[in-house]
């Protein structure tokens, strides 16, 4: 298997396409308007409750800037939001490289766009298992799949994509965008990638520790088995 290596990148990357899907919606009221102010032509892709939140923040401006991920991919969300962002067009947009002709050809072939920033925080697994009386099934339902995948993909491609996992970073990001003509610097993208991988590592560690401390009998409690 050949490994894809990159030799040419941009230090400063314009933010034109942003994917936002968050459990913790704190700070969006300030971040979204400032994002539009600093990046006037930005297009935001979003899902579920996050889409509704951003739509309420933008009001009449939503039509020119906000798109449902399902509309972009052509695939509706599954019941309960089980599958929303696990789509080829999404990951092509996250992982594509600016100076790779084959990648650019794939974008054109699929009518996809390069995604420049991902704003994602995960289902509240740690908060859920901290509650008294939580069942294994209750904990299982809070294991995020699409979120960690998007975080990892965008953080891996820090040469072009900003991976944002903490609302506390909204302010510094907006400040850089204002000072840098609506562009993120490699220094910021790399710092965000470091934080992103630490975030997913801690999330996975919490899941592994929780499941590892339980037996199969505990896991089976509360289920009704169906013989086939």
Protein backbone atom coordinates (compact mmCIF):
# COMPACT_ATOMS: atom_id res chain seq x y z
CA UNK A 1 0.00 0.00 0.00
CA UNK A 2 1.40 3.37 -0.98
CA UNK A 3 1.25 6.20 1.55
CA UNK A 4 -0.03 9.55 0.37
CA UNK A 5 2.55 12.23 1.15
CA UNK A 6 2.22 15.99 0.76
CA UNK A 7 4.96 18.41 -0.20
CA UNK A 8 3.11 21.65 -0.94
CA UNK A 9 0.59 23.36 1.34
CA UNK A 10 -0.74 26.83 2.18
CA UNK A 11 0.07 28.47 5.50
CA UNK A 12 -3.14 30.52 5.43
CA UNK A 13 -6.37 28.84 4.26
CA UNK A 14 -9.57 30.82 3.51
CA UNK A 15 -12.64 29.56 5.37
CA UNK A 16 -15.30 29.01 2.72
CA UNK A 17 -17.03 25.81 3.86
CA UNK A 18 -17.69 24.88 7.49
CA UNK A 19 -19.34 21.76 8.90
CA UNK A 20 -20.97 22.23 12.32
CA UNK A 21 -22.54 19.42 14.37
CA UNK A 22 -22.44 19.88 18.13
CA UNK A 23 -24.06 18.45 21.24
CA UNK A 24 -22.95 21.45 23.30
CA UNK A 25 -24.42 24.46 21.50
CA UNK A 26 -23.03 27.02 23.95
CA UNK A 27 -21.40 29.97 22.22
CA UNK A 28 -22.99 29.51 18.81
CA UNK A 29 -25.06 32.68 19.25
CA UNK A 30 -21.85 34.70 19.14
CA UNK A 31 -19.65 32.47 16.99
CA UNK A 32 -21.99 32.08 14.00
CA UNK A 33 -22.63 35.82 13.38
CA UNK A 34 -18.93 36.59 13.83
CA UNK A 35 -18.04 33.79 11.42
CA UNK A 36 -20.31 35.33 8.78
CA UNK A 37 -18.89 38.77 9.46
CA UNK A 38 -15.27 37.66 9.01
CA UNK A 39 -16.00 35.20 6.16
CA UNK A 40 -18.95 36.84 4.31
CA UNK A 41 -19.34 34.14 1.66
CA UNK A 42 -19.09 31.18 4.03
CA UNK A 43 -21.34 28.17 3.50
CA UNK A 44 -22.27 26.20 6.61
CA UNK A 45 -23.29 22.54 6.52
CA UNK A 46 -25.12 21.23 9.56
CA UNK A 47 -27.31 18.46 10.95
CA UNK A 48 -30.33 17.89 13.18
CA UNK A 49 -30.66 20.11 16.22
CA UNK A 50 -27.53 22.06 15.32
CA UNK A 51 -29.05 23.01 11.98
CA UNK A 52 -32.18 24.25 13.75
CA UNK A 53 -30.12 26.25 16.23
CA UNK A 54 -28.06 27.93 13.51
CA UNK A 55 -31.19 28.60 11.47
CA UNK A 56 -32.72 30.42 14.44
CA UNK A 57 -29.53 32.43 14.94
CA UNK A 58 -29.27 33.49 11.30
CA UNK A 59 -32.93 34.12 10.62
CA UNK A 60 -33.42 35.49 7.10
CA UNK A 61 -29.70 35.09 6.36
CA UNK A 62 -29.88 31.31 6.72
CA UNK A 63 -31.03 30.79 3.12
CA UNK A 64 -27.77 32.18 1.75
CA UNK A 65 -25.39 30.42 4.10
CA UNK A 66 -26.88 27.28 5.70
CA UNK A 67 -27.35 23.85 4.12
CA UNK A 68 -28.56 20.58 5.61
CA UNK A 69 -25.92 17.85 5.37
CA UNK A 70 -28.64 15.52 4.06
CA UNK A 71 -29.39 17.98 1.24
CA UNK A 72 -25.69 18.19 0.38
CA UNK A 73 -25.06 14.44 0.42
CA UNK A 74 -28.42 13.38 -0.99
CA UNK A 75 -28.81 10.91 1.88
CA UNK A 76 -31.47 11.48 4.57
CA UNK A 77 -30.56 11.10 8.23
CA UNK A 78 -31.53 7.73 9.67
CA UNK A 79 -34.09 7.44 12.46
CA UNK A 80 -32.75 8.85 15.71
CA UNK A 81 -29.87 10.53 13.90
CA UNK A 82 -27.96 7.24 13.89
CA UNK A 83 -26.24 8.07 10.58
CA UNK A 84 -25.89 11.71 9.54
CA UNK A 85 -22.39 12.55 8.37
CA UNK A 86 -20.78 9.20 7.45
CA UNK A 87 -20.75 9.90 3.74
CA UNK A 88 -18.14 9.85 0.96
CA UNK A 89 -18.73 13.48 0.00
CA UNK A 90 -18.15 14.59 3.59
CA UNK A 91 -14.87 12.73 4.01
CA UNK A 92 -13.63 13.67 0.57
CA UNK A 93 -14.24 17.27 1.59
CA UNK A 94 -12.36 16.79 4.84
CA UNK A 95 -9.36 14.83 3.59
CA UNK A 96 -8.78 16.28 0.12
CA UNK A 97 -5.52 18.15 -0.46
CA UNK A 98 -5.34 21.44 -2.31
CA UNK A 99 -2.45 20.60 -4.64
CA UNK A 100 -3.42 17.00 -5.39
CA UNK A 101 -4.87 16.90 -8.90
CA UNK A 102 -6.56 13.53 -8.32
CA UNK A 103 -8.30 14.87 -5.21
CA UNK A 104 -9.45 17.95 -7.05
CA UNK A 105 -10.77 15.73 -9.82
CA UNK A 106 -12.71 13.69 -7.24
CA UNK A 107 -14.30 16.88 -5.90
CA UNK A 108 -15.45 17.85 -9.39
CA UNK A 109 -16.63 14.33 -10.21
CA UNK A 110 -18.83 14.13 -7.10
CA UNK A 111 -19.88 17.82 -6.97
CA UNK A 112 -18.29 17.97 -3.52
CA UNK A 113 -16.50 20.89 -1.86
CA UNK A 114 -13.39 21.11 0.26
CA UNK A 115 -14.41 21.66 3.89
CA UNK A 116 -12.11 24.15 5.62
CA UNK A 117 -13.36 23.93 9.21
CA UNK A 118 -15.17 21.33 11.31
CA UNK A 119 -16.89 22.34 14.54
CA UNK A 120 -17.87 19.18 16.43
CA UNK A 121 -18.31 18.15 20.03
CA UNK A 122 -19.44 14.71 21.04
CA UNK A 123 -22.41 12.99 22.63
CA UNK A 124 -22.15 13.44 26.42
CA UNK A 125 -20.92 9.95 27.27
CA UNK A 126 -18.93 10.97 30.35
CA UNK A 127 -21.80 13.04 31.73
CA UNK A 128 -24.23 10.18 31.12
CA UNK A 129 -22.25 7.50 32.96
CA UNK A 130 -21.70 9.90 35.88
CA UNK A 131 -25.44 9.80 36.59
CA UNK A 132 -26.76 7.36 39.15
CA UNK A 133 -28.73 4.39 37.85
CA UNK A 134 -27.56 4.65 34.24
CA UNK A 135 -27.84 1.36 32.35
CA UNK A 136 -25.35 -0.05 29.87
CA UNK A 137 -27.94 0.56 27.16
CA UNK A 138 -28.27 4.17 28.28
CA UNK A 139 -24.50 4.55 28.08
CA UNK A 140 -24.30 2.74 24.74
CA UNK A 141 -26.69 5.22 23.19
CA UNK A 142 -24.26 8.03 24.01
CA UNK A 143 -21.33 6.50 22.13
CA UNK A 144 -20.71 8.93 19.27
CA UNK A 145 -19.55 7.49 15.94
CA UNK A 146 -19.77 10.21 13.31
CA UNK A 147 -18.37 12.92 15.57
CA UNK A 148 -15.03 11.24 16.35
CA UNK A 149 -14.66 10.27 12.68
CA UNK A 150 -15.07 13.88 11.56
CA UNK A 151 -12.77 15.16 14.28
CA UNK A 152 -10.05 12.66 13.38
CA UNK A 153 -10.34 13.26 9.64
CA UNK A 154 -10.19 17.04 9.96
CA UNK A 155 -7.39 16.93 12.54
CA UNK A 156 -5.36 14.55 10.36
CA UNK A 157 -5.67 17.08 7.53
CA UNK A 158 -4.52 20.03 9.67
CA UNK A 159 -2.48 21.12 6.66
CA UNK A 160 -5.77 22.55 5.37
CA UNK A 161 -8.63 21.99 7.84
CA UNK A 162 -9.32 23.49 11.28
CA UNK A 163 -10.75 20.92 13.71
CA UNK A 164 -12.67 22.68 16.48
CA UNK A 165 -13.83 20.64 19.49
CA UNK A 166 -14.06 23.22 22.29
CA UNK A 167 -16.44 26.22 22.41
CA UNK A 168 -13.74 28.04 24.39
CA UNK A 169 -11.76 28.24 21.15
CA UNK A 170 -14.45 30.15 19.25
CA UNK A 171 -13.16 33.51 20.43
CA UNK A 172 -9.49 32.94 19.50
CA UNK A 173 -10.53 31.51 16.13
CA UNK A 174 -12.65 34.55 15.30
CA UNK A 175 -9.81 36.83 16.40
CA UNK A 176 -7.40 35.11 14.02
CA UNK A 177 -9.93 35.21 11.18
CA UNK A 178 -10.36 38.96 11.71
CA UNK A 179 -6.62 39.58 11.78
CA UNK A 180 -5.86 37.22 8.91
CA UNK A 181 -8.44 38.16 6.28
CA UNK A 182 -10.82 35.28 6.99
CA UNK A 183 -8.06 32.67 6.89
CA UNK A 184 -6.73 30.15 9.42
CA UNK A 185 -3.00 29.79 9.89
CA UNK A 186 -1.09 26.51 9.98
CA UNK A 187 -0.05 27.31 13.55
CA UNK A 188 -3.67 27.52 14.69
CA UNK A 189 -4.75 24.46 12.71
CA UNK A 190 -1.94 22.41 14.19
CA UNK A 191 -2.76 23.53 17.74
CA UNK A 192 -6.42 22.63 17.15
CA UNK A 193 -5.40 19.22 15.78
CA UNK A 194 -3.37 18.51 18.92
CA UNK A 195 -6.39 19.33 21.05
CA UNK A 196 -8.73 17.34 18.81
CA UNK A 197 -6.76 14.10 19.05
CA UNK A 198 -6.44 14.52 22.81
CA UNK A 199 -10.20 15.01 22.95
CA UNK A 200 -11.05 11.83 21.02
CA UNK A 201 -8.45 9.85 22.95
CA UNK A 202 -10.05 10.85 26.26
CA UNK A 203 -13.50 10.05 24.90
CA UNK A 204 -12.48 6.57 23.75
CA UNK A 205 -10.65 5.95 27.02
CA UNK A 206 -13.80 6.74 29.00
CA UNK A 207 -15.82 4.30 26.88
CA UNK A 208 -13.21 1.56 27.16
CA UNK A 209 -12.93 2.00 30.93
CA UNK A 210 -16.70 1.94 31.38
CA UNK A 211 -17.31 -1.18 29.30
CA UNK A 212 -14.21 -2.88 30.68
CA UNK A 213 -15.55 -2.56 34.23
CA UNK A 214 -18.77 -4.41 33.39
CA UNK A 215 -19.73 -8.02 32.74
CA UNK A 216 -21.74 -9.49 29.88
CA UNK A 217 -24.56 -10.16 32.35
CA UNK A 218 -24.64 -6.48 33.27
CA UNK A 219 -24.64 -5.57 29.60
CA UNK A 220 -27.58 -7.94 28.97
CA UNK A 221 -29.74 -6.53 31.75
CA UNK A 222 -32.83 -4.77 30.47
CA UNK A 223 -32.86 -6.40 27.05
CA UNK A 224 -35.48 -8.85 25.82
CA UNK A 225 -33.80 -11.53 23.72
CA UNK A 226 -35.41 -12.53 20.46
CA UNK A 227 -34.74 -16.02 19.13
CA UNK A 228 -34.40 -16.27 15.35
